[in-house]
All heavy atoms as atom14 arrays in JSON, in Angstrom:
{
  "sequence": "LAERRDLEAGNLSGGEQQLLAIARALLAKPR",
  "atom14_mask": [
    [1, 1, 1, 1, 1, 1, 1, 1, 0, 0, 0, 0, 0, 0],
    [1, 1, 1, 1, 1, 0, 0, 0, 0, 0, 0, 0, 0, 0],
    [1, 1, 1, 1, 1, 1, 1, 1, 1, 0, 0, 0, 0, 0],
    [1, 1, 1, 1, 1, 1, 1, 1, 1, 1, 1, 0, 0, 0],
    [1, 1, 1, 1, 1, 1, 1, 1, 1, 1, 1, 0, 0, 0],
    [1, 1, 1, 1, 1, 1, 1, 1, 0, 0, 0, 0, 0, 0],
    [1, 1, 1, 1, 1, 1, 1, 1, 0, 0, 0, 0, 0, 0],
    [1, 1, 1, 1, 1, 1, 1, 1, 1, 0, 0, 0, 0, 0],
    [1, 1, 1, 1, 1, 0, 0, 0, 0, 0, 0, 0, 0, 0],
    [1, 1, 1, 1, 0, 0, 0, 0, 0, 0, 0, 0, 0, 0],
    [1, 1, 1, 1, 1, 1, 1, 1, 0, 0, 0, 0, 0, 0],
    [1, 1, 1, 1, 1, 1, 1, 1, 0, 0, 0, 0, 0, 0],
    [1, 1, 1, 1, 1, 1, 0, 0, 0, 0, 0, 0, 0, 0],
    [1, 1, 1, 1, 0, 0, 0, 0, 0, 0, 0, 0, 0, 0],
    [1, 1, 1, 1, 0, 0, 0, 0, 0, 0, 0, 0, 0, 0],
    [1, 1, 1, 1, 1, 1, 1, 1, 1, 0, 0, 0, 0, 0],
    [1, 1, 1, 1, 1, 1, 1, 1, 1, 0, 0, 0, 0, 0],
    [1, 1, 1, 1, 1, 1, 1, 1, 1, 0, 0, 0, 0, 0],
    [1, 1, 1, 1, 1, 1, 1, 1, 0, 0, 0, 0, 0, 0],
    [1, 1, 1, 1, 1, 1, 1, 1, 0, 0, 0, 0, 0, 0],
    [1, 1, 1, 1, 1, 0, 0, 0, 0, 0, 0, 0, 0, 0],
    [1, 1, 1, 1, 1, 1, 1, 1, 0, 0, 0, 0, 0, 0],
    [1, 1, 1, 1, 1, 0, 0, 0, 0, 0, 0, 0, 0, 0],
    [1, 1, 1, 1, 1, 1, 1, 1, 1, 1, 1, 0, 0, 0],
    [1, 1, 1, 1, 1, 0, 0, 0, 0, 0, 0, 0, 0, 0],
    [1, 1, 1, 1, 1, 1, 1, 1, 0, 0, 0, 0, 0, 0],
    [1, 1, 1, 1, 1, 1, 1, 1, 0, 0, 0, 0, 0, 0],
    [1, 1, 1, 1, 1, 0, 0, 0, 0, 0, 0, 0, 0, 0],
    [1, 1, 1, 1, 1, 1, 1, 1, 1, 0, 0, 0, 0, 0],
    [1, 1, 1, 1, 1, 1, 1, 0, 0, 0, 0, 0, 0, 0],
    [1, 1, 1, 1, 1, 1, 1, 1, 1, 1, 1, 0, 0, 0]
  ],
  "atom14_positions": [
    [[16.92, -2.8, -9.02], [16.31, -4.12, -8.9], [14.98, -4.03, -8.14], [14.0, -4.72, -8.5], [17.23, -5.14, -8.22], [18.57, -5.42, -8.91], [19.38, -6.46, -8.12], [18.35, -5.88, -10.36], [0.0, 0.0, 0.0], [0.0, 0.0, 0.0], [0.0, 0.0, 0.0], [0.0, 0.0, 0.0], [0.0, 0.0, 0.0], [0.0, 0.0, 0.0]],
    [[14.91, -3.18, -7.16], [13.64, -3.0, -6.42], [12.54, -2.5, -7.36], [11.4, -2.96, -7.33], [13.82, -2.03, -5.22], [0.0, 0.0, 0.0], [0.0, 0.0, 0.0], [0.0, 0.0, 0.0], [0.0, 0.0, 0.0], [0.0, 0.0, 0.0], [0.0, 0.0, 0.0], [0.0, 0.0, 0.0], [0.0, 0.0, 0.0], [0.0, 0.0, 0.0]],
    [[12.9, -1.57, -8.23], [11.96, -1.03, -9.21], [11.45, -2.06, -10.21], [10.37, -1.91, -10.72], [12.57, 0.13, -9.98], [12.92, 1.33, -9.07], [13.82, 2.37, -9.8], [14.07, 2.14, -11.04], [14.19, 3.33, -9.2], [0.0, 0.0, 0.0], [0.0, 0.0, 0.0], [0.0, 0.0, 0.0], [0.0, 0.0, 0.0], [0.0, 0.0, 0.0]],
    [[12.27, -3.12, -10.39], [11.97, -4.12, -11.42], [11.69, -5.5, -10.78], [11.75, -6.53, -11.48], [13.13, -4.24, -12.43], [13.32, -2.99, -13.24], [14.72, -2.91, -13.86], [14.96, -1.8, -14.71], [15.12, -0.56, -14.28], [15.15, -0.31, -13.01], [15.29, 0.41, -15.15], [0.0, 0.0, 0.0], [0.0, 0.0, 0.0], [0.0, 0.0, 0.0]],
    [[11.36, -5.51, -9.57], [11.24, -6.79, -8.82], [10.25, -7.76, -9.46], [10.48, -8.99, -9.37], [10.91, -6.58, -7.34], [9.6, -5.82, -7.07], [9.3, -5.78, -5.59], [8.94, -7.09, -5.12], [8.97, -7.44, -3.81], [9.38, -6.6, -2.91], [8.64, -8.63, -3.48], [0.0, 0.0, 0.0], [0.0, 0.0, 0.0], [0.0, 0.0, 0.0]],
    [[9.23, -7.29, -10.07], [8.21, -8.18, -10.69], [8.44, -8.41, -12.16], [7.67, -9.17, -12.8], [6.81, -7.6, -10.43], [6.46, -7.54, -9.0], [6.79, -8.47, -8.21], [5.89, -6.49, -8.55], [0.0, 0.0, 0.0], [0.0, 0.0, 0.0], [0.0, 0.0, 0.0], [0.0, 0.0, 0.0], [0.0, 0.0, 0.0], [0.0, 0.0, 0.0]],
    [[9.51, -7.81, -12.7], [9.79, -7.98, -14.17], [10.48, -9.31, -14.37], [11.33, -9.7, -13.55], [10.64, -6.81, -14.61], [10.93, -6.63, -16.06], [9.61, -6.27, -16.79], [12.0, -5.59, -16.33], [0.0, 0.0, 0.0], [0.0, 0.0, 0.0], [0.0, 0.0, 0.0], [0.0, 0.0, 0.0], [0.0, 0.0, 0.0], [0.0, 0.0, 0.0]],
    [[10.22, -9.94, -15.49], [11.01, -11.13, -15.81], [12.42, -10.76, -16.01], [12.75, -9.75, -16.67], [10.46, -11.8, -17.13], [9.19, -12.55, -16.97], [8.78, -13.35, -18.13], [9.52, -13.31, -19.19], [7.82, -14.15, -18.06], [0.0, 0.0, 0.0], [0.0, 0.0, 0.0], [0.0, 0.0, 0.0], [0.0, 0.0, 0.0], [0.0, 0.0, 0.0]],
    [[13.32, -11.51, -15.43], [14.75, -11.2, -15.44], [15.32, -11.08, -16.84], [16.28, -10.34, -17.1], [15.55, -12.19, -14.62], [0.0, 0.0, 0.0], [0.0, 0.0, 0.0], [0.0, 0.0, 0.0], [0.0, 0.0, 0.0], [0.0, 0.0, 0.0], [0.0, 0.0, 0.0], [0.0, 0.0, 0.0], [0.0, 0.0, 0.0], [0.0, 0.0, 0.0]],
    [[14.76, -11.85, -17.79], [15.23, -11.83, -19.15], [14.98, -10.5, -19.86], [15.55, -10.22, -20.88], [0.0, 0.0, 0.0], [0.0, 0.0, 0.0], [0.0, 0.0, 0.0], [0.0, 0.0, 0.0], [0.0, 0.0, 0.0], [0.0, 0.0, 0.0], [0.0, 0.0, 0.0], [0.0, 0.0, 0.0], [0.0, 0.0, 0.0], [0.0, 0.0, 0.0]],
    [[14.1, -9.66, -19.27], [13.84, -8.34, -19.87], [14.75, -7.25, -19.27], [14.63, -6.09, -19.73], [12.35, -7.99, -19.61], [11.41, -8.84, -20.4], [11.72, -9.24, -21.48], [10.23, -9.15, -19.83], [0.0, 0.0, 0.0], [0.0, 0.0, 0.0], [0.0, 0.0, 0.0], [0.0, 0.0, 0.0], [0.0, 0.0, 0.0], [0.0, 0.0, 0.0]],
    [[15.65, -7.59, -18.38], [16.61, -6.64, -17.86], [17.72, -6.4, -18.88], [17.95, -7.26, -19.71], [17.21, -7.18, -16.54], [16.3, -7.4, -15.33], [17.1, -7.97, -14.22], [15.61, -6.14, -14.93], [0.0, 0.0, 0.0], [0.0, 0.0, 0.0], [0.0, 0.0, 0.0], [0.0, 0.0, 0.0], [0.0, 0.0, 0.0], [0.0, 0.0, 0.0]],
    [[18.37, -5.3, -18.83], [19.54, -5.08, -19.6], [20.62, -5.99, -19.13], [20.58, -6.57, -18.03], [19.99, -3.67, -19.49], [20.54, -3.42, -18.2], [0.0, 0.0, 0.0], [0.0, 0.0, 0.0], [0.0, 0.0, 0.0], [0.0, 0.0, 0.0], [0.0, 0.0, 0.0], [0.0, 0.0, 0.0], [0.0, 0.0, 0.0], [0.0, 0.0, 0.0]],
    [[21.7, -6.15, -19.93], [22.79, -7.0, -19.57], [23.42, -6.53, -18.23], [23.78, -7.38, -17.36], [0.0, 0.0, 0.0], [0.0, 0.0, 0.0], [0.0, 0.0, 0.0], [0.0, 0.0, 0.0], [0.0, 0.0, 0.0], [0.0, 0.0, 0.0], [0.0, 0.0, 0.0], [0.0, 0.0, 0.0], [0.0, 0.0, 0.0], [0.0, 0.0, 0.0]],
    [[23.56, -5.18, -18.05], [24.13, -4.7, -16.85], [23.27, -4.99, -15.63], [23.72, -5.35, -14.54], [0.0, 0.0, 0.0], [0.0, 0.0, 0.0], [0.0, 0.0, 0.0], [0.0, 0.0, 0.0], [0.0, 0.0, 0.0], [0.0, 0.0, 0.0], [0.0, 0.0, 0.0], [0.0, 0.0, 0.0], [0.0, 0.0, 0.0], [0.0, 0.0, 0.0]],
    [[21.98, -4.83, -15.82], [21.04, -5.15, -14.69], [21.03, -6.58, -14.35], [20.88, -7.01, -13.15], [19.63, -4.66, -15.05], [19.44, -3.15, -15.15], [18.21, -2.68, -15.79], [17.56, -3.52, -16.54], [17.77, -1.53, -15.56], [0.0, 0.0, 0.0], [0.0, 0.0, 0.0], [0.0, 0.0, 0.0], [0.0, 0.0, 0.0], [0.0, 0.0, 0.0]],
    [[21.12, -7.44, -15.35], [21.26, -8.91, -15.07], [22.53, -9.2, -14.29], [22.49, -10.03, -13.42], [21.28, -9.67, -16.4], [19.94, -9.67, -17.13], [19.98, -10.45, -18.4], [20.91, -11.22, -18.73], [18.91, -10.31, -19.23], [0.0, 0.0, 0.0], [0.0, 0.0, 0.0], [0.0, 0.0, 0.0], [0.0, 0.0, 0.0], [0.0, 0.0, 0.0]],
    [[23.6, -8.49, -14.61], [24.87, -8.72, -13.84], [24.68, -8.29, -12.37], [25.12, -8.96, -11.45], [26.0, -7.95, -14.47], [27.36, -8.21, -13.81], [27.78, -9.66, -13.96], [28.11, -10.12, -15.07], [27.77, -10.42, -12.92], [0.0, 0.0, 0.0], [0.0, 0.0, 0.0], [0.0, 0.0, 0.0], [0.0, 0.0, 0.0], [0.0, 0.0, 0.0]],
    [[24.05, -7.18, -12.16], [23.75, -6.71, -10.78], [22.87, -7.7, -10.09], [23.08, -8.01, -8.85], [23.1, -5.33, -10.79], [23.93, -4.2, -11.28], [23.17, -2.88, -11.24], [25.27, -4.06, -10.59], [0.0, 0.0, 0.0], [0.0, 0.0, 0.0], [0.0, 0.0, 0.0], [0.0, 0.0, 0.0], [0.0, 0.0, 0.0], [0.0, 0.0, 0.0]],
    [[21.87, -8.29, -10.77], [21.07, -9.29, -10.15], [21.88, -10.52, -9.79], [21.63, -11.1, -8.67], [19.94, -9.64, -11.15], [18.97, -10.81, -10.77], [18.3, -10.45, -9.43], [17.95, -11.09, -11.84], [0.0, 0.0, 0.0], [0.0, 0.0, 0.0], [0.0, 0.0, 0.0], [0.0, 0.0, 0.0], [0.0, 0.0, 0.0], [0.0, 0.0, 0.0]],
    [[22.75, -10.95, -10.66], [23.61, -12.14, -10.36], [24.46, -11.9, -9.13], [24.67, -12.74, -8.28], [24.43, -12.5, -11.58], [0.0, 0.0, 0.0], [0.0, 0.0, 0.0], [0.0, 0.0, 0.0], [0.0, 0.0, 0.0], [0.0, 0.0, 0.0], [0.0, 0.0, 0.0], [0.0, 0.0, 0.0], [0.0, 0.0, 0.0], [0.0, 0.0, 0.0]],
    [[25.02, -10.68, -9.05], [25.89, -10.34, -7.88], [25.03, -10.26, -6.6], [25.43, -10.79, -5.57], [26.61, -9.04, -8.14], [27.63, -9.22, -9.24], [27.32, -8.54, -6.86], [28.3, -7.9, -9.69], [0.0, 0.0, 0.0], [0.0, 0.0, 0.0], [0.0, 0.0, 0.0], [0.0, 0.0, 0.0], [0.0, 0.0, 0.0], [0.0, 0.0, 0.0]],
    [[23.84, -9.64, -6.75], [22.95, -9.59, -5.58], [22.53, -10.95, -5.08], [22.54, -11.21, -3.87], [21.71, -8.76, -5.97], [0.0, 0.0, 0.0], [0.0, 0.0, 0.0], [0.0, 0.0, 0.0], [0.0, 0.0, 0.0], [0.0, 0.0, 0.0], [0.0, 0.0, 0.0], [0.0, 0.0, 0.0], [0.0, 0.0, 0.0], [0.0, 0.0, 0.0]],
    [[22.28, -11.83, -5.99], [21.85, -13.19, -5.65], [23.05, -13.9, -4.89], [22.83, -14.6, -3.87], [21.49, -13.99, -6.83], [20.95, -15.41, -6.57], [20.48, -16.05, -7.87], [21.56, -16.18, -8.84], [21.42, -16.56, -10.11], [20.22, -16.81, -10.59], [22.4, -16.61, -10.91], [0.0, 0.0, 0.0], [0.0, 0.0, 0.0], [0.0, 0.0, 0.0]],
    [[24.26, -13.7, -5.38], [25.41, -14.29, -4.69], [25.61, -13.69, -3.3], [25.93, -14.44, -2.34], [26.65, -14.09, -5.6], [0.0, 0.0, 0.0], [0.0, 0.0, 0.0], [0.0, 0.0, 0.0], [0.0, 0.0, 0.0], [0.0, 0.0, 0.0], [0.0, 0.0, 0.0], [0.0, 0.0, 0.0], [0.0, 0.0, 0.0], [0.0, 0.0, 0.0]],
    [[25.46, -12.39, -3.17], [25.69, -11.77, -1.87], [24.68, -12.24, -0.82], [24.98, -12.34, 0.35], [25.57, -10.24, -2.06], [26.68, -9.59, -2.83], [26.42, -8.09, -3.01], [28.08, -9.77, -2.15], [0.0, 0.0, 0.0], [0.0, 0.0, 0.0], [0.0, 0.0, 0.0], [0.0, 0.0, 0.0], [0.0, 0.0, 0.0], [0.0, 0.0, 0.0]],
    [[23.48, -12.58, -1.26], [22.5, -13.11, -0.29], [22.93, -14.42, 0.32], [22.47, -14.74, 1.42], [21.17, -13.33, -1.0], [20.35, -12.02, -1.33], [19.19, -12.32, -2.26], [19.8, -11.45, -0.03], [0.0, 0.0, 0.0], [0.0, 0.0, 0.0], [0.0, 0.0, 0.0], [0.0, 0.0, 0.0], [0.0, 0.0, 0.0], [0.0, 0.0, 0.0]],
    [[23.86, -15.15, -0.32], [24.34, -16.39, 0.26], [25.48, -16.12, 1.31], [26.02, -17.0, 1.88], [24.89, -17.25, -0.87], [0.0, 0.0, 0.0], [0.0, 0.0, 0.0], [0.0, 0.0, 0.0], [0.0, 0.0, 0.0], [0.0, 0.0, 0.0], [0.0, 0.0, 0.0], [0.0, 0.0, 0.0], [0.0, 0.0, 0.0], [0.0, 0.0, 0.0]],
    [[25.73, -14.83, 1.53], [26.74, -14.39, 2.56], [28.04, -15.09, 2.34], [28.5, -15.88, 3.21], [26.21, -14.64, 4.0], [24.93, -13.84, 4.26], [24.54, -13.99, 5.74], [23.22, -13.26, 6.05], [23.2, -11.82, 5.59], [0.0, 0.0, 0.0], [0.0, 0.0, 0.0], [0.0, 0.0, 0.0], [0.0, 0.0, 0.0], [0.0, 0.0, 0.0]],
    [[28.68, -14.86, 1.19], [29.96, -15.64, 0.92], [31.11, -15.24, 1.81], [31.21, -14.03, 2.16], [30.2, -15.19, -0.55], [29.53, -13.91, -0.7], [28.33, -13.94, 0.12], [0.0, 0.0, 0.0], [0.0, 0.0, 0.0], [0.0, 0.0, 0.0], [0.0, 0.0, 0.0], [0.0, 0.0, 0.0], [0.0, 0.0, 0.0], [0.0, 0.0, 0.0]],
    [[31.9, -16.2, 2.15], [33.17, -15.95, 2.74], [34.2, -15.51, 1.72], [35.04, -14.68, 1.97], [33.64, -17.15, 3.56], [34.93, -16.88, 4.28], [35.16, -17.75, 5.44], [36.34, -17.37, 6.18], [36.79, -17.99, 7.29], [36.14, -19.04, 7.77], [37.84, -17.53, 7.92], [0.0, 0.0, 0.0], [0.0, 0.0, 0.0], [0.0, 0.0, 0.0]]
  ]
}
């Protein structure tokens, strides 16, 4: 994700999009 930080998210592979979704959730510090 760091390598692709400026890329539009729609251009990521499906797996990379899933990692992005998980990363975004983790930033919210879930209980």
